[in-house]
Amino acid sequence: MATLFNIIFEGEVAPGNDPASVKEAMMDLLNLDANGIEHIFAGRPISLKKGVNASTAEKYRKAIETAGALCEVEPMADED
């Protein structure tokens, strides 16, 4: 069985990026309103996407980094 991944976001802006611009880009990327974007930038770990394959996880990571934010791609825990 192929490993699946979760995309975890903790509201981190990549160094050298303007937080307001990053929020705007993330709103467009994730199709969120102002309340939704404030929720994901609250500093708590949020799973933006769950159970995606490696290539999809990489696409999300690249898109989030292009927007000026940082995220983690974590393998899902095995459920035995």
PDB file of N, CA and C in Angstrom:
ATOM      1  N   MET A   1       0.839  -1.176   0.000  1.00  0.00           N
ATOM      2  CA  MET A   1       0.000   0.000   0.000  1.00  0.00           C
ATOM      3  C   MET A   1       0.887   1.243   0.000  1.00  0.00           C
ATOM      4  N   ALA A   2       0.547   2.210  -0.828  1.00  0.00           N
ATOM      5  CA  ALA A   2       1.334   3.436  -0.933  1.00  0.00           C
ATOM      6  C   ALA A   2       1.139   4.298   0.307  1.00  0.00           C
ATOM      7  N   THR A   3       2.186   4.996   0.684  1.00  0.00           N
ATOM      8  CA  THR A   3       2.114   5.901   1.817  1.00  0.00           C
ATOM      9  C   THR A   3       1.291   7.121   1.440  1.00  0.00           C
ATOM     10  N   LEU A   4       0.425   7.525   2.347  1.00  0.00           N
ATOM     11  CA  LEU A   4      -0.366   8.731   2.155  1.00  0.00           C
ATOM     12  C   LEU A   4       0.144   9.805   3.107  1.00  0.00           C
ATOM     13  N   PHE A   5      -0.130  11.051   2.769  1.00  0.00           N
ATOM     14  CA  PHE A   5       0.422  12.175   3.508  1.00  0.00           C
ATOM     15  C   PHE A   5      -0.644  13.183   3.894  1.00  0.00           C
ATOM     16  N   ASN A   6      -0.355  13.926   4.961  1.00  0.00           N
ATOM     17  CA  ASN A   6      -1.167  15.060   5.388  1.00  0.00           C
ATOM     18  C   ASN A   6      -0.353  16.328   5.170  1.00  0.00           C
ATOM     19  N   ILE A   7      -1.036  17.395   4.778  1.00  0.00           N
ATOM     20  CA  ILE A   7      -0.404  18.706   4.630  1.00  0.00           C
ATOM     21  C   ILE A   7      -0.757  19.503   5.882  1.00  0.00           C
ATOM     22  N   ILE A   8       0.250  19.805   6.688  1.00  0.00           N
ATOM     23  CA  ILE A   8       0.056  20.494   7.963  1.00  0.00           C
ATOM     24  C   ILE A   8       0.587  21.924   7.854  1.00  0.00           C
ATOM     25  N   PHE A   9      -0.250  22.866   8.272  1.00  0.00           N
ATOM     26  CA  PHE A   9       0.106  24.285   8.218  1.00  0.00           C
ATOM     27  C   PHE A   9      -0.036  24.874   9.615  1.00  0.00           C
ATOM     28  N   GLU A  10       0.963  25.640  10.045  1.00  0.00           N
ATOM     29  CA  GLU A  10       0.947  26.250  11.373  1.00  0.00           C
ATOM     30  C   GLU A  10       0.955  27.775  11.314  1.00  0.00           C
ATOM     31  N   GLY A  11       0.639  28.327  10.154  1.00  0.00           N
ATOM     32  CA  GLY A  11       0.572  29.781  10.035  1.00  0.00           C
ATOM     33  C   GLY A  11       1.907  30.460   9.852  1.00  0.00           C
ATOM     34  N   GLU A  12       2.915  29.715   9.435  1.00  0.00           N
ATOM     35  CA  GLU A  12       4.251  30.298   9.281  1.00  0.00           C
ATOM     36  C   GLU A  12       4.443  30.940   7.912  1.00  0.00           C
ATOM     37  N   VAL A  13       4.972  32.151   7.941  1.00  0.00           N
ATOM     38  CA  VAL A  13       5.319  32.876   6.724  1.00  0.00           C
ATOM     39  C   VAL A  13       6.805  32.665   6.486  1.00  0.00           C
ATOM     40  N   ALA A  14       7.173  32.362   5.250  1.00  0.00           N
ATOM     41  CA  ALA A  14       8.586  32.160   4.915  1.00  0.00           C
ATOM     42  C   ALA A  14       9.353  33.461   5.097  1.00  0.00           C
ATOM     43  N   PRO A  15      10.602  33.375   5.569  1.00  0.00           N
ATOM     44  CA  PRO A  15      11.419  34.579   5.768  1.00  0.00           C
ATOM     45  C   PRO A  15      11.481  35.434   4.497  1.00  0.00           C
ATOM     46  N   GLY A  16      11.388  36.741   4.699  1.00  0.00           N
ATOM     47  CA  GLY A  16      11.488  37.679   3.585  1.00  0.00           C
ATOM     48  C   GLY A  16      10.173  37.974   2.892  1.00  0.00           C
ATOM     49  N   ASN A  17       9.073  37.383   3.375  1.00  0.00           N
ATOM     50  CA  ASN A  17       7.764  37.614   2.766  1.00  0.00           C
ATOM     51  C   ASN A  17       6.902  38.488   3.662  1.00  0.00           C
ATOM     52  N   ASP A  18       6.077  39.306   3.034  1.00  0.00           N
ATOM     53  CA  ASP A  18       5.148  40.174   3.747  1.00  0.00           C
ATOM     54  C   ASP A  18       3.938  39.345   4.189  1.00  0.00           C
ATOM     55  N   PRO A  19       3.660  39.279   5.495  1.00  0.00           N
ATOM     56  CA  PRO A  19       2.550  38.463   5.976  1.00  0.00           C
ATOM     57  C   PRO A  19       1.198  38.783   5.323  1.00  0.00           C
ATOM     58  N   ALA A  20       0.920  40.049   5.094  1.00  0.00           N
ATOM     59  CA  ALA A  20      -0.358  40.419   4.475  1.00  0.00           C
ATOM     60  C   ALA A  20      -0.448  39.873   3.043  1.00  0.00           C
ATOM     61  N   SER A  21       0.648  39.951   2.305  1.00  0.00           N
ATOM     62  CA  SER A  21       0.669  39.424   0.938  1.00  0.00           C
ATOM     63  C   SER A  21       0.538  37.907   0.926  1.00  0.00           C
ATOM     64  N   VAL A  22       1.173  37.257   1.896  1.00  0.00           N
ATOM     65  CA  VAL A  22       1.094  35.797   1.986  1.00  0.00           C
ATOM     66  C   VAL A  22      -0.338  35.374   2.304  1.00  0.00           C
ATOM     67  N   LYS A  23      -0.970  36.074   3.222  1.00  0.00           N
ATOM     68  CA  LYS A  23      -2.360  35.755   3.559  1.00  0.00           C
ATOM     69  C   LYS A  23      -3.256  35.908   2.338  1.00  0.00           C
ATOM     70  N   GLU A  24      -3.045  36.963   1.584  1.00  0.00           N
ATOM     71  CA  GLU A  24      -3.835  37.209   0.372  1.00  0.00           C
ATOM     72  C   GLU A  24      -3.638  36.066  -0.632  1.00  0.00           C
ATOM     73  N   ALA A  25      -2.386  35.665  -0.830  1.00  0.00           N
ATOM     74  CA  ALA A  25      -2.087  34.573  -1.757  1.00  0.00           C
ATOM     75  C   ALA A  25      -2.696  33.250  -1.272  1.00  0.00           C
ATOM     76  N   MET A  26      -2.633  33.019   0.033  1.00  0.00           N
ATOM     77  CA  MET A  26      -3.209  31.793   0.589  1.00  0.00           C
ATOM     78  C   MET A  26      -4.735  31.802   0.503  1.00  0.00           C
ATOM     79  N   MET A  27      -5.342  32.962   0.623  1.00  0.00           N
ATOM     80  CA  MET A  27      -6.799  33.065   0.453  1.00  0.00           C
ATOM     81  C   MET A  27      -7.187  32.605  -0.946  1.00  0.00           C
ATOM     82  N   ASP A  28      -6.443  33.081  -1.943  1.00  0.00           N
ATOM     83  CA  ASP A  28      -6.708  32.685  -3.327  1.00  0.00           C
ATOM     84  C   ASP A  28      -6.441  31.200  -3.538  1.00  0.00           C
ATOM     85  N   LEU A  29      -5.322  30.717  -3.017  1.00  0.00           N
ATOM     86  CA  LEU A  29      -4.923  29.325  -3.203  1.00  0.00           C
ATOM     87  C   LEU A  29      -5.930  28.360  -2.591  1.00  0.00           C
ATOM     88  N   LEU A  30      -6.394  28.678  -1.385  1.00  0.00           N
ATOM     89  CA  LEU A  30      -7.264  27.762  -0.647  1.00  0.00           C
ATOM     90  C   LEU A  30      -8.742  28.126  -0.733  1.00  0.00           C
ATOM     91  N   ASN A  31      -9.047  29.188  -1.484  1.00  0.00           N
ATOM     92  CA  ASN A  31     -10.430  29.637  -1.651  1.00  0.00           C
ATOM     93  C   ASN A  31     -11.084  29.918  -0.293  1.00  0.00           C
ATOM     94  N   LEU A  32     -10.407  30.721   0.538  1.00  0.00           N
ATOM     95  CA  LEU A  32     -10.891  31.054   1.873  1.00  0.00           C
ATOM     96  C   LEU A  32     -11.299  32.521   1.942  1.00  0.00           C
ATOM     97  N   ASP A  33     -12.218  32.826   2.855  1.00  0.00           N
ATOM     98  CA  ASP A  33     -12.566  34.215   3.125  1.00  0.00           C
ATOM     99  C   ASP A  33     -11.657  34.736   4.238  1.00  0.00           C
ATOM    100  N   ALA A  34     -11.869  35.972   4.661  1.00  0.00           N
ATOM    101  CA  ALA A  34     -11.003  36.591   5.675  1.00  0.00           C
ATOM    102  C   ALA A  34     -11.041  35.827   6.994  1.00  0.00           C
ATOM    103  N   ASN A  35     -12.208  35.357   7.414  1.00  0.00           N
ATOM    104  CA  ASN A  35     -12.298  34.596   8.662  1.00  0.00           C
ATOM    105  C   ASN A  35     -11.549  33.276   8.549  1.00  0.00           C
ATOM    106  N   GLY A  36     -11.677  32.604   7.425  1.00  0.00           N
ATOM    107  CA  GLY A  36     -10.994  31.327   7.211  1.00  0.00           C
ATOM    108  C   GLY A  36      -9.485  31.484   7.224  1.00  0.00           C
ATOM    109  N   ILE A  37      -8.995  32.555   6.606  1.00  0.00           N
ATOM    110  CA  ILE A  37      -7.542  32.743   6.548  1.00  0.00           C
ATOM    111  C   ILE A  37      -6.999  33.076   7.935  1.00  0.00           C
ATOM    112  N   GLU A  38      -7.731  33.850   8.720  1.00  0.00           N
ATOM    113  CA  GLU A  38      -7.287  34.149  10.084  1.00  0.00           C
ATOM    114  C   GLU A  38      -7.252  32.874  10.920  1.00  0.00           C
ATOM    115  N   HIS A  39      -8.188  31.976  10.683  1.00  0.00           N
ATOM    116  CA  HIS A  39      -8.225  30.702  11.412  1.00  0.00           C
ATOM    117  C   HIS A  39      -6.969  29.872  11.141  1.00  0.00           C
ATOM    118  N   ILE A  40      -6.570  29.779   9.865  1.00  0.00           N
ATOM    119  CA  ILE A  40      -5.400  28.940   9.572  1.00  0.00           C
ATOM    120  C   ILE A  40      -4.086  29.622   9.938  1.00  0.00           C
ATOM    121  N   PHE A  41      -4.099  30.945  10.104  1.00  0.00           N
ATOM    122  CA  PHE A  41      -2.891  31.666  10.516  1.00  0.00           C
ATOM    123  C   PHE A  41      -2.849  31.919  12.027  1.00  0.00           C
ATOM    124  N   ALA A  42      -3.649  31.188  12.787  1.00  0.00           N
ATOM    125  CA  ALA A  42      -3.727  31.392  14.233  1.00  0.00           C
ATOM    126  C   ALA A  42      -2.546  30.781  14.985  1.00  0.00           C
ATOM    127  N   GLY A  43      -1.683  30.040  14.295  1.00  0.00           N
ATOM    128  CA  GLY A  43      -0.501  29.483  14.945  1.00  0.00           C
ATOM    129  C   GLY A  43      -0.668  28.067  15.468  1.00  0.00           C
ATOM    130  N   ARG A  44      -1.838  27.491  15.262  1.00  0.00           N
ATOM    131  CA  ARG A  44      -2.070  26.097  15.665  1.00  0.00           C
ATOM    132  C   ARG A  44      -1.934  25.207  14.431  1.00  0.00           C
ATOM    133  N   PRO A  45      -1.450  23.989  14.608  1.00  0.00           N
ATOM    134  CA  PRO A  45      -1.358  23.086  13.460  1.00  0.00           C
ATOM    135  C   PRO A  45      -2.739  22.787  12.878  1.00  0.00           C
ATOM    136  N   ILE A  46      -2.867  22.977  11.582  1.00  0.00           N
ATOM    137  CA  ILE A  46      -4.110  22.714  10.859  1.00  0.00           C
ATOM    138  C   ILE A  46      -3.779  21.765   9.715  1.00  0.00           C
ATOM    139  N   SER A  47      -4.581  20.747   9.545  1.00  0.00           N
ATOM    140  CA  SER A  47      -4.402  19.853   8.412  1.00  0.00           C
ATOM    141  C   SER A  47      -5.163  20.441   7.229  1.00  0.00           C
ATOM    142  N   LEU A  48      -4.410  20.936   6.237  1.00  0.00           N
ATOM    143  CA  LEU A  48      -5.041  21.512   5.058  1.00  0.00           C
ATOM    144  C   LEU A  48      -5.561  20.441   4.112  1.00  0.00           C
ATOM    145  N   LYS A  49      -4.898  19.313   4.101  1.00  0.00           N
ATOM    146  CA  LYS A  49      -5.289  18.205   3.228  1.00  0.00           C
ATOM    147  C   LYS A  49      -4.863  16.919   3.908  1.00  0.00           C
ATOM    148  N   LYS A  50      -5.726  15.915   3.853  1.00  0.00           N
ATOM    149  CA  LYS A  50      -5.428  14.635   4.500  1.00  0.00           C
ATOM    150  C   LYS A  50      -5.455  13.504   3.487  1.00  0.00           C
ATOM    151  N   GLY A  51      -4.528  12.574   3.660  1.00  0.00           N
ATOM    152  CA  GLY A  51      -4.554  11.342   2.885  1.00  0.00           C
ATOM    153  C   GLY A  51      -4.289  11.479   1.406  1.00  0.00           C
ATOM    154  N   VAL A  52      -3.335  12.325   1.041  1.00  0.00           N
ATOM    155  CA  VAL A  52      -2.996  12.484  -0.373  1.00  0.00           C
ATOM    156  C   VAL A  52      -1.722  11.705  -0.701  1.00  0.00           C
ATOM    157  N   ASN A  53      -1.579  11.355  -1.967  1.00  0.00           N
ATOM    158  CA  ASN A  53      -0.381  10.618  -2.370  1.00  0.00           C
ATOM    159  C   ASN A  53       0.821  11.568  -2.436  1.00  0.00           C
ATOM    160  N   ALA A  54       1.993  11.006  -2.639  1.00  0.00           N
ATOM    161  CA  ALA A  54       3.238  11.778  -2.591  1.00  0.00           C
ATOM    162  C   ALA A  54       3.273  12.901  -3.625  1.00  0.00           C
ATOM    163  N   SER A  55       2.837  12.641  -4.841  1.00  0.00           N
ATOM    164  CA  SER A  55       2.914  13.679  -5.870  1.00  0.00           C
ATOM    165  C   SER A  55       1.935  14.817  -5.578  1.00  0.00           C
ATOM    166  N   THR A  56       0.758  14.505  -5.073  1.00  0.00           N
ATOM    167  CA  THR A  56      -0.204  15.544  -4.708  1.00  0.00           C
ATOM    168  C   THR A  56       0.316  16.347  -3.526  1.00  0.00           C
ATOM    169  N   ALA A  57       0.899  15.683  -2.550  1.00  0.00           N
ATOM    170  CA  ALA A  57       1.469  16.368  -1.391  1.00  0.00           C
ATOM    171  C   ALA A  57       2.556  17.343  -1.836  1.00  0.00           C
ATOM    172  N   GLU A  58       3.387  16.936  -2.768  1.00  0.00           N
ATOM    173  CA  GLU A  58       4.457  17.798  -3.264  1.00  0.00           C
ATOM    174  C   GLU A  58       3.881  19.007  -3.999  1.00  0.00           C
ATOM    175  N   LYS A  59       2.811  18.811  -4.766  1.00  0.00           N
ATOM    176  CA  LYS A  59       2.165  19.934  -5.464  1.00  0.00           C
ATOM    177  C   LYS A  59       1.634  20.955  -4.458  1.00  0.00           C
ATOM    178  N   TYR A  60       0.995  20.477  -3.402  1.00  0.00           N
ATOM    179  CA  TYR A  60       0.499  21.382  -2.363  1.00  0.00           C
ATOM    180  C   TYR A  60       1.652  22.124  -1.697  1.00  0.00           C
ATOM    181  N   ARG A  61       2.709  21.400  -1.356  1.00  0.00           N
ATOM    182  CA  ARG A  61       3.855  22.032  -0.694  1.00  0.00           C
ATOM    183  C   ARG A  61       4.430  23.147  -1.565  1.00  0.00           C
ATOM    184  N   LYS A  62       4.621  22.858  -2.840  1.00  0.00           N
ATOM    185  CA  LYS A  62       5.183  23.860  -3.753  1.00  0.00           C
ATOM    186  C   LYS A  62       4.265  25.064  -3.896  1.00  0.00           C
ATOM    187  N   ALA A  63       2.965  24.834  -3.997  1.00  0.00           N
ATOM    188  CA  ALA A  63       2.012  25.937  -4.140  1.00  0.00           C
ATOM    189  C   ALA A  63       2.003  26.816  -2.891  1.00  0.00           C
ATOM    190  N   ILE A  64       2.058  26.200  -1.729  1.00  0.00           N
ATOM    191  CA  ILE A  64       2.074  26.951  -0.471  1.00  0.00           C
ATOM    192  C   ILE A  64       3.369  27.744  -0.348  1.00  0.00           C
ATOM    193  N   GLU A  65       4.500  27.143  -0.717  1.00  0.00           N
ATOM    194  CA  GLU A  65       5.774  27.860  -0.682  1.00  0.00           C
ATOM    195  C   GLU A  65       5.798  29.002  -1.688  1.00  0.00           C
ATOM    196  N   THR A  66       5.207  28.808  -2.857  1.00  0.00           N
ATOM    197  CA  THR A  66       5.123  29.869  -3.849  1.00  0.00           C
ATOM    198  C   THR A  66       4.305  31.037  -3.320  1.00  0.00           C
ATOM    199  N   ALA A  67       3.299  30.737  -2.503  1.00  0.00           N
ATOM    200  CA  ALA A  67       2.479  31.785  -1.880  1.00  0.00           C
ATOM    201  C   ALA A  67       3.246  32.518  -0.782  1.00  0.00           C
ATOM    202  N   GLY A  68       4.378  31.966  -0.349  1.00  0.00           N
ATOM    203  CA  GLY A  68       5.213  32.607   0.663  1.00  0.00           C
ATOM    204  C   GLY A  68       5.036  32.056   2.065  1.00  0.00           C
ATOM    205  N   ALA A  69       4.415  30.882   2.170  1.00  0.00           N
ATOM    206  CA  ALA A  69       4.187  30.272   3.476  1.00  0.00           C
ATOM    207  C   ALA A  69       4.978  28.967   3.580  1.00  0.00           C
ATOM    208  N   LEU A  70       5.008  28.430   4.792  1.00  0.00           N
ATOM    209  CA  LEU A  70       5.695  27.168   5.042  1.00  0.00           C
ATOM    210  C   LEU A  70       4.693  26.135   5.535  1.00  0.00           C
ATOM    211  N   CYS A  71       4.894  24.882   5.158  1.00  0.00           N
ATOM    212  CA  CYS A  71       4.033  23.803   5.631  1.00  0.00           C
ATOM    213  C   CYS A  71       4.880  22.551   5.816  1.00  0.00           C
ATOM    214  N   GLU A  72       4.283  21.565   6.431  1.00  0.00           N
ATOM    215  CA  GLU A  72       4.922  20.267   6.620  1.00  0.00           C
ATOM    216  C   GLU A  72       4.125  19.217   5.858  1.00  0.00           C
ATOM    217  N   VAL A  73       4.831  18.290   5.250  1.00  0.00           N
ATOM    218  CA  VAL A  73       4.210  17.132   4.618  1.00  0.00           C
ATOM    219  C   VAL A  73       4.567  15.950   5.499  1.00  0.00           C
ATOM    220  N   GLU A  74       3.552  15.395   6.154  1.00  0.00           N
ATOM    221  CA  GLU A  74       3.787  14.313   7.113  1.00  0.00           C
ATOM    222  C   GLU A  74       3.111  13.034   6.657  1.00  0.00           C
ATOM    223  N   PRO A  75       3.814  11.900   6.766  1.00  0.00           N
ATOM    224  CA  PRO A  75       3.174  10.628   6.439  1.00  0.00           C
ATOM    225  C   PRO A  75       2.041  10.360   7.431  1.00  0.00           C
ATOM    226  N   MET A  76       0.968   9.816   6.922  1.00  0.00           N
ATOM    227  CA  MET A  76      -0.146   9.448   7.809  1.00  0.00           C
ATOM    228  C   MET A  76       0.280   8.279   8.668  1.00  0.00           C
ATOM    229  N   ALA A  77      -0.209   8.259   9.887  1.00  0.00           N
ATOM    230  CA  ALA A  77       0.076   7.143  10.796  1.00  0.00           C
ATOM    231  C   ALA A  77      -0.671   5.907  10.296  1.00  0.00           C
ATOM    232  N   ASP A  78      -0.010   4.763  10.392  1.00  0.00           N
ATOM    233  CA  ASP A  78      -0.652   3.505  10.010  1.00  0.00           C
ATOM    234  C   ASP A  78      -1.737   3.171  11.020  1.00  0.00           C
ATOM    235  N   GLU A  79      -2.878   2.761  10.505  1.00  0.00           N
ATOM    236  CA  GLU A  79      -3.966   2.341  11.385  1.00  0.00           C
ATOM    237  C   GLU A  79      -4.068   0.838  11.336  1.00  0.00           C
ATOM    238  N   ASP A  80      -3.599   0.199  12.384  1.00  0.00           N
ATOM    239  CA  ASP A  80      -3.642  -1.267  12.433  1.00  0.00           C
ATOM    240  C   ASP A  80      -4.880  -1.760  13.112  1.00  0.00           C
TER     241      ASP A  80
END
